[in-house]
Amino acid sequence: MEIKEYTLKHFIDQLPDDRKRAIEQLRKTILDNLPKGFVETISYGTIDFVVPHSIYPNGYHCNPKQPLPFISIASQKNYIALYHTGMYGDTELTNWFKEEYPKHCKPKLDMGKGCIRFKKIEQIPYGLIAELSGKMNTNEWIKIYETNIKR
Protein backbone atom coordinates (compact mmCIF):
# COMPACT_ATOMS: atom_id res chain seq x y z
CA MET A 1 0.00 0.00 0.00
CA GLU A 2 1.42 3.35 -0.99
CA ILE A 3 0.96 6.18 1.48
CA LYS A 4 0.23 9.37 -0.42
CA GLU A 5 0.31 11.63 2.61
CA TYR A 6 2.91 10.81 5.22
CA THR A 7 1.49 12.23 8.43
CA LEU A 8 2.82 12.75 11.92
CA LYS A 9 0.35 10.14 13.16
CA HIS A 10 1.68 7.59 10.64
CA PHE A 11 5.27 8.38 11.60
CA ILE A 12 4.59 7.87 15.33
CA ASP A 13 2.28 4.86 14.90
CA GLN A 14 4.93 2.85 13.06
CA LEU A 15 7.49 3.22 15.88
CA PRO A 16 8.13 0.57 18.54
CA ASP A 17 6.56 1.55 21.89
CA ASP A 18 9.81 2.60 23.59
CA ARG A 19 10.78 4.78 20.63
CA LYS A 20 7.25 6.13 20.38
CA ARG A 21 7.35 7.45 23.96
CA ALA A 22 10.80 8.97 23.51
CA ILE A 23 9.95 10.62 20.15
CA GLU A 24 6.68 11.99 21.54
CA GLN A 25 8.50 13.41 24.57
CA LEU A 26 11.24 14.93 22.40
CA ARG A 27 8.61 16.46 20.13
CA LYS A 28 6.71 17.94 23.08
CA THR A 29 9.93 19.24 24.63
CA ILE A 30 10.87 21.03 21.42
CA LEU A 31 7.36 22.38 20.77
CA ASP A 32 7.12 23.71 24.34
CA ASN A 33 10.42 25.58 24.05
CA LEU A 34 10.84 26.74 20.45
CA PRO A 35 10.51 30.50 20.00
CA LYS A 36 7.47 31.70 18.03
CA GLY A 37 7.69 31.51 14.27
CA PHE A 38 8.92 27.95 13.78
CA VAL A 39 6.34 25.42 12.55
CA GLU A 40 6.21 21.66 12.71
CA THR A 41 6.16 19.59 9.52
CA ILE A 42 7.02 16.06 8.52
CA SER A 43 9.19 15.06 5.57
CA TYR A 44 11.73 12.45 4.57
CA GLY A 45 10.65 10.29 7.52
CA THR A 46 11.52 12.93 10.11
CA ILE A 47 9.61 15.36 12.29
CA ASP A 48 10.86 18.81 11.32
CA PHE A 49 10.66 22.24 12.88
CA VAL A 50 11.17 24.82 10.15
CA VAL A 51 11.04 28.50 9.30
CA PRO A 52 7.96 28.71 7.04
CA HIS A 53 7.92 30.53 3.71
CA SER A 54 5.70 33.21 5.29
CA ILE A 55 8.74 34.26 7.35
CA TYR A 56 11.53 33.26 4.96
CA PRO A 57 10.18 33.21 1.38
CA ASN A 58 13.54 32.11 -0.08
CA GLY A 59 13.15 28.65 1.48
CA TYR A 60 15.90 26.08 1.69
CA HIS A 61 18.71 26.72 -0.82
CA CYS A 62 18.86 23.05 -1.91
CA ASN A 63 15.16 23.16 -2.77
CA PRO A 64 13.53 26.60 -2.41
CA LYS A 65 10.07 24.98 -2.46
CA GLN A 66 10.87 23.56 0.98
CA PRO A 67 10.84 25.74 4.10
CA LEU A 68 14.12 26.45 5.89
CA PRO A 69 14.90 23.47 8.18
CA PHE A 70 15.96 24.06 11.78
CA ILE A 71 15.51 21.00 14.03
CA SER A 72 14.56 17.45 13.02
CA ILE A 73 13.87 14.25 14.95
CA ALA A 74 14.49 10.87 13.34
CA SER A 75 14.26 7.27 14.44
CA GLN A 76 17.29 5.53 12.98
CA LYS A 77 18.09 1.82 13.19
CA ASN A 78 20.25 2.00 16.33
CA TYR A 79 19.42 5.40 17.82
CA ILE A 80 17.17 8.41 17.90
CA ALA A 81 18.71 11.40 16.16
CA LEU A 82 18.16 15.07 16.82
CA TYR A 83 19.42 17.27 13.99
CA HIS A 84 19.93 20.91 14.94
CA THR A 85 21.03 22.79 11.83
CA GLY A 86 21.57 25.95 13.86
CA MET A 87 24.65 24.32 15.39
CA TYR A 88 26.25 23.95 11.94
CA GLY A 89 26.86 27.67 11.72
CA ASP A 90 27.05 28.70 15.37
CA THR A 91 30.24 27.55 17.08
CA GLU A 92 29.27 29.31 20.29
CA LEU A 93 26.01 27.34 20.50
CA THR A 94 27.80 24.07 19.69
CA ASN A 95 30.44 24.73 22.37
CA TRP A 96 27.73 25.59 24.91
CA PHE A 97 25.93 22.31 24.16
CA LYS A 98 29.13 20.24 24.43
CA GLU A 99 29.94 21.84 27.80
CA GLU A 100 26.41 21.37 29.16
CA TYR A 101 25.85 17.81 27.97
CA PRO A 102 27.92 16.03 30.68
CA LYS A 103 25.99 17.96 33.36
CA HIS A 104 22.74 16.37 32.12
CA CYS A 105 23.71 12.94 30.86
CA LYS A 106 26.18 10.18 31.83
CA PRO A 107 26.86 8.55 28.45
CA LYS A 108 29.55 10.17 26.33
CA LEU A 109 28.16 12.66 23.80
CA ASP A 110 27.70 11.03 20.38
CA MET A 111 27.50 13.97 18.02
CA GLY A 112 28.36 14.92 14.47
CA LYS A 113 28.41 18.52 13.30
CA GLY A 114 24.69 19.05 13.97
CA CYS A 115 23.45 15.52 14.64
CA ILE A 116 23.07 14.30 18.21
CA ARG A 117 22.62 10.53 18.49
CA PHE A 118 20.84 8.98 21.47
CA LYS A 119 21.52 5.23 21.63
CA LYS A 120 20.10 4.85 25.15
CA ILE A 121 16.63 6.35 24.90
CA GLU A 122 16.11 6.30 28.65
CA GLN A 123 19.03 8.72 28.99
CA ILE A 124 17.89 11.46 26.60
CA PRO A 125 18.52 14.78 28.42
CA TYR A 126 15.11 16.39 27.83
CA GLY A 127 15.93 19.38 30.04
CA LEU A 128 19.02 20.16 27.98
CA ILE A 129 17.08 19.69 24.71
CA ALA A 130 14.44 22.10 26.06
CA GLU A 131 17.12 24.70 26.71
CA LEU A 132 18.77 24.11 23.32
CA SER A 133 15.42 24.46 21.53
CA GLY A 134 14.89 27.94 22.94
CA LYS A 135 18.37 29.31 22.28
CA MET A 136 17.77 30.64 18.75
CA ASN A 137 14.80 32.46 17.20
CA THR A 138 13.86 32.52 13.51
CA ASN A 139 15.63 35.83 12.79
CA GLU A 140 18.86 34.63 14.41
CA TRP A 141 18.69 31.36 12.48
CA ILE A 142 18.04 33.12 9.16
CA LYS A 143 21.00 35.45 9.74
CA ILE A 144 23.34 32.53 10.55
CA TYR A 145 21.99 30.52 7.62
CA GLU A 146 22.44 33.36 5.11
CA THR A 147 25.93 34.15 6.43
CA ASN A 148 27.03 30.55 5.94
CA ILE A 149 25.31 30.02 2.58
CA LYS A 150 26.92 33.12 1.07
CA ARG A 151 30.44 31.88 1.94
C-alpha atoms as a PDB file:
ATOM      1  CA  MET A   1       0.000   0.000   0.000  1.00  0.00           C
ATOM      2  CA  GLU A   2       1.418   3.352  -0.993  1.00  0.00           C
ATOM      3  CA  ILE A   3       0.964   6.183   1.479  1.00  0.00           C
ATOM      4  CA  LYS A   4       0.231   9.370  -0.422  1.00  0.00           C
ATOM      5  CA  GLU A   5       0.312  11.631   2.608  1.00  0.00           C
ATOM      6  CA  TYR A   6       2.909  10.805   5.218  1.00  0.00           C
ATOM      7  CA  THR A   7       1.488  12.227   8.433  1.00  0.00           C
ATOM      8  CA  LEU A   8       2.817  12.751  11.920  1.00  0.00           C
ATOM      9  CA  LYS A   9       0.355  10.139  13.160  1.00  0.00           C
ATOM     10  CA  HIS A  10       1.677   7.590  10.638  1.00  0.00           C
ATOM     11  CA  PHE A  11       5.267   8.382  11.604  1.00  0.00           C
ATOM     12  CA  ILE A  12       4.593   7.870  15.330  1.00  0.00           C
ATOM     13  CA  ASP A  13       2.277   4.862  14.898  1.00  0.00           C
ATOM     14  CA  GLN A  14       4.927   2.849  13.055  1.00  0.00           C
ATOM     15  CA  LEU A  15       7.489   3.217  15.875  1.00  0.00           C
ATOM     16  CA  PRO A  16       8.128   0.567  18.544  1.00  0.00           C
ATOM     17  CA  ASP A  17       6.556   1.546  21.886  1.00  0.00           C
ATOM     18  CA  ASP A  18       9.812   2.603  23.588  1.00  0.00           C
ATOM     19  CA  ARG A  19      10.778   4.777  20.628  1.00  0.00           C
ATOM     20  CA  LYS A  20       7.246   6.135  20.376  1.00  0.00           C
ATOM     21  CA  ARG A  21       7.349   7.448  23.957  1.00  0.00           C
ATOM     22  CA  ALA A  22      10.804   8.974  23.505  1.00  0.00           C
ATOM     23  CA  ILE A  23       9.952  10.622  20.154  1.00  0.00           C
ATOM     24  CA  GLU A  24       6.684  11.995  21.536  1.00  0.00           C
ATOM     25  CA  GLN A  25       8.496  13.414  24.572  1.00  0.00           C
ATOM     26  CA  LEU A  26      11.242  14.929  22.402  1.00  0.00           C
ATOM     27  CA  ARG A  27       8.606  16.460  20.133  1.00  0.00           C
ATOM     28  CA  LYS A  28       6.707  17.940  23.076  1.00  0.00           C
ATOM     29  CA  THR A  29       9.933  19.239  24.634  1.00  0.00           C
ATOM     30  CA  ILE A  30      10.869  21.034  21.416  1.00  0.00           C
ATOM     31  CA  LEU A  31       7.359  22.381  20.774  1.00  0.00           C
ATOM     32  CA  ASP A  32       7.117  23.712  24.336  1.00  0.00           C
ATOM     33  CA  ASN A  33      10.418  25.580  24.055  1.00  0.00           C
ATOM     34  CA  LEU A  34      10.844  26.740  20.455  1.00  0.00           C
ATOM     35  CA  PRO A  35      10.511  30.501  19.998  1.00  0.00           C
ATOM     36  CA  LYS A  36       7.473  31.702  18.034  1.00  0.00           C
ATOM     37  CA  GLY A  37       7.687  31.505  14.266  1.00  0.00           C
ATOM     38  CA  PHE A  38       8.922  27.948  13.777  1.00  0.00           C
ATOM     39  CA  VAL A  39       6.340  25.424  12.551  1.00  0.00           C
ATOM     40  CA  GLU A  40       6.206  21.656  12.707  1.00  0.00           C
ATOM     41  CA  THR A  41       6.164  19.589   9.517  1.00  0.00           C
ATOM     42  CA  ILE A  42       7.018  16.056   8.520  1.00  0.00           C
ATOM     43  CA  SER A  43       9.192  15.060   5.572  1.00  0.00           C
ATOM     44  CA  TYR A  44      11.731  12.451   4.568  1.00  0.00           C
ATOM     45  CA  GLY A  45      10.653  10.294   7.516  1.00  0.00           C
ATOM     46  CA  THR A  46      11.519  12.926  10.112  1.00  0.00           C
ATOM     47  CA  ILE A  47       9.612  15.357  12.288  1.00  0.00           C
ATOM     48  CA  ASP A  48      10.858  18.806  11.320  1.00  0.00           C
ATOM     49  CA  PHE A  49      10.661  22.240  12.877  1.00  0.00           C
ATOM     50  CA  VAL A  50      11.165  24.819  10.152  1.00  0.00           C
ATOM     51  CA  VAL A  51      11.038  28.500   9.301  1.00  0.00           C
ATOM     52  CA  PRO A  52       7.964  28.714   7.041  1.00  0.00           C
ATOM     53  CA  HIS A  53       7.921  30.529   3.707  1.00  0.00           C
ATOM     54  CA  SER A  54       5.697  33.206   5.288  1.00  0.00           C
ATOM     55  CA  ILE A  55       8.739  34.261   7.350  1.00  0.00           C
ATOM     56  CA  TYR A  56      11.528  33.264   4.959  1.00  0.00           C
ATOM     57  CA  PRO A  57      10.176  33.213   1.375  1.00  0.00           C
ATOM     58  CA  ASN A  58      13.539  32.106  -0.082  1.00  0.00           C
ATOM     59  CA  GLY A  59      13.146  28.655   1.476  1.00  0.00           C
ATOM     60  CA  TYR A  60      15.898  26.077   1.688  1.00  0.00           C
ATOM     61  CA  HIS A  61      18.715  26.724  -0.818  1.00  0.00           C
ATOM     62  CA  CYS A  62      18.861  23.050  -1.906  1.00  0.00           C
ATOM     63  CA  ASN A  63      15.163  23.159  -2.769  1.00  0.00           C
ATOM     64  CA  PRO A  64      13.530  26.602  -2.407  1.00  0.00           C
ATOM     65  CA  LYS A  65      10.067  24.981  -2.460  1.00  0.00           C
ATOM     66  CA  GLN A  66      10.873  23.564   0.983  1.00  0.00           C
ATOM     67  CA  PRO A  67      10.845  25.739   4.098  1.00  0.00           C
ATOM     68  CA  LEU A  68      14.123  26.446   5.889  1.00  0.00           C
ATOM     69  CA  PRO A  69      14.903  23.472   8.182  1.00  0.00           C
ATOM     70  CA  PHE A  70      15.960  24.063  11.778  1.00  0.00           C
ATOM     71  CA  ILE A  71      15.508  20.996  14.029  1.00  0.00           C
ATOM     72  CA  SER A  72      14.557  17.446  13.024  1.00  0.00           C
ATOM     73  CA  ILE A  73      13.874  14.250  14.950  1.00  0.00           C
ATOM     74  CA  ALA A  74      14.489  10.866  13.344  1.00  0.00           C
ATOM     75  CA  SER A  75      14.256   7.267  14.442  1.00  0.00           C
ATOM     76  CA  GLN A  76      17.290   5.528  12.982  1.00  0.00           C
ATOM     77  CA  LYS A  77      18.094   1.817  13.195  1.00  0.00           C
ATOM     78  CA  ASN A  78      20.254   2.000  16.333  1.00  0.00           C
ATOM     79  CA  TYR A  79      19.417   5.396  17.817  1.00  0.00           C
ATOM     80  CA  ILE A  80      17.168   8.412  17.897  1.00  0.00           C
ATOM     81  CA  ALA A  81      18.713  11.397  16.159  1.00  0.00           C
ATOM     82  CA  LEU A  82      18.164  15.072  16.821  1.00  0.00           C
ATOM     83  CA  TYR A  83      19.420  17.271  13.989  1.00  0.00           C
ATOM     84  CA  HIS A  84      19.934  20.914  14.939  1.00  0.00           C
ATOM     85  CA  THR A  85      21.030  22.792  11.826  1.00  0.00           C
ATOM     86  CA  GLY A  86      21.573  25.950  13.858  1.00  0.00           C
ATOM     87  CA  MET A  87      24.650  24.321  15.388  1.00  0.00           C
ATOM     88  CA  TYR A  88      26.254  23.951  11.936  1.00  0.00           C
ATOM     89  CA  GLY A  89      26.861  27.667  11.720  1.00  0.00           C
ATOM     90  CA  ASP A  90      27.049  28.699  15.367  1.00  0.00           C
ATOM     91  CA  THR A  91      30.240  27.551  17.077  1.00  0.00           C
ATOM     92  CA  GLU A  92      29.270  29.314  20.287  1.00  0.00           C
ATOM     93  CA  LEU A  93      26.009  27.338  20.500  1.00  0.00           C
ATOM     94  CA  THR A  94      27.805  24.073  19.691  1.00  0.00           C
ATOM     95  CA  ASN A  95      30.436  24.727  22.369  1.00  0.00           C
ATOM     96  CA  TRP A  96      27.734  25.586  24.909  1.00  0.00           C
ATOM     97  CA  PHE A  97      25.933  22.305  24.160  1.00  0.00           C
ATOM     98  CA  LYS A  98      29.130  20.239  24.431  1.00  0.00           C
ATOM     99  CA  GLU A  99      29.945  21.838  27.802  1.00  0.00           C
ATOM    100  CA  GLU A 100      26.413  21.365  29.163  1.00  0.00           C
ATOM    101  CA  TYR A 101      25.851  17.812  27.975  1.00  0.00           C
ATOM    102  CA  PRO A 102      27.924  16.033  30.679  1.00  0.00           C
ATOM    103  CA  LYS A 103      25.991  17.963  33.365  1.00  0.00           C
ATOM    104  CA  HIS A 104      22.739  16.374  32.124  1.00  0.00           C
ATOM    105  CA  CYS A 105      23.710  12.943  30.862  1.00  0.00           C
ATOM    106  CA  LYS A 106      26.184  10.185  31.827  1.00  0.00           C
ATOM    107  CA  PRO A 107      26.859   8.549  28.446  1.00  0.00           C
ATOM    108  CA  LYS A 108      29.545  10.173  26.328  1.00  0.00           C
ATOM    109  CA  LEU A 109      28.161  12.657  23.800  1.00  0.00           C
ATOM    110  CA  ASP A 110      27.703  11.025  20.383  1.00  0.00           C
ATOM    111  CA  MET A 111      27.504  13.968  18.022  1.00  0.00           C
ATOM    112  CA  GLY A 112      28.364  14.915  14.469  1.00  0.00           C
ATOM    113  CA  LYS A 113      28.415  18.520  13.296  1.00  0.00           C
ATOM    114  CA  GLY A 114      24.692  19.051  13.975  1.00  0.00           C
ATOM    115  CA  CYS A 115      23.447  15.517  14.642  1.00  0.00           C
ATOM    116  CA  ILE A 116      23.071  14.296  18.205  1.00  0.00           C
ATOM    117  CA  ARG A 117      22.624  10.529  18.490  1.00  0.00           C
ATOM    118  CA  PHE A 118      20.842   8.977  21.467  1.00  0.00           C
ATOM    119  CA  LYS A 119      21.518   5.231  21.632  1.00  0.00           C
ATOM    120  CA  LYS A 120      20.103   4.855  25.148  1.00  0.00           C
ATOM    121  CA  ILE A 121      16.626   6.351  24.902  1.00  0.00           C
ATOM    122  CA  GLU A 122      16.113   6.297  28.651  1.00  0.00           C
ATOM    123  CA  GLN A 123      19.031   8.722  28.994  1.00  0.00           C
ATOM    124  CA  ILE A 124      17.889  11.463  26.604  1.00  0.00           C
ATOM    125  CA  PRO A 125      18.524  14.778  28.420  1.00  0.00           C
ATOM    126  CA  TYR A 126      15.112  16.388  27.833  1.00  0.00           C
ATOM    127  CA  GLY A 127      15.933  19.381  30.042  1.00  0.00           C
ATOM    128  CA  LEU A 128      19.019  20.161  27.977  1.00  0.00           C
ATOM    129  CA  ILE A 129      17.082  19.693  24.714  1.00  0.00           C
ATOM    130  CA  ALA A 130      14.442  22.099  26.061  1.00  0.00           C
ATOM    131  CA  GLU A 131      17.115  24.701  26.707  1.00  0.00           C
ATOM    132  CA  LEU A 132      18.772  24.110  23.319  1.00  0.00           C
ATOM    133  CA  SER A 133      15.419  24.461  21.533  1.00  0.00           C
ATOM    134  CA  GLY A 134      14.890  27.944  22.941  1.00  0.00           C
ATOM    135  CA  LYS A 135      18.370  29.311  22.277  1.00  0.00           C
ATOM    136  CA  MET A 136      17.766  30.638  18.749  1.00  0.00           C
ATOM    137  CA  ASN A 137      14.799  32.462  17.203  1.00  0.00           C
ATOM    138  CA  THR A 138      13.856  32.524  13.514  1.00  0.00           C
ATOM    139  CA  ASN A 139      15.627  35.830  12.794  1.00  0.00           C
ATOM    140  CA  GLU A 140      18.864  34.631  14.412  1.00  0.00           C
ATOM    141  CA  TRP A 141      18.694  31.356  12.482  1.00  0.00           C
ATOM    142  CA  ILE A 142      18.042  33.120   9.157  1.00  0.00           C
ATOM    143  CA  LYS A 143      21.005  35.449   9.738  1.00  0.00           C
ATOM    144  CA  ILE A 144      23.343  32.533  10.549  1.00  0.00           C
ATOM    145  CA  TYR A 145      21.990  30.522   7.624  1.00  0.00           C
ATOM    146  CA  GLU A 146      22.442  33.355   5.114  1.00  0.00           C
ATOM    147  CA  THR A 147      25.930  34.152   6.426  1.00  0.00           C
ATOM    148  CA  ASN A 148      27.031  30.554   5.943  1.00  0.00           C
ATOM    149  CA  ILE A 149      25.306  30.021   2.581  1.00  0.00           C
ATOM    150  CA  LYS A 150      26.921  33.115   1.070  1.00  0.00           C
ATOM    151  CA  ARG A 151      30.436  31.881   1.944  1.00  0.00           C
END
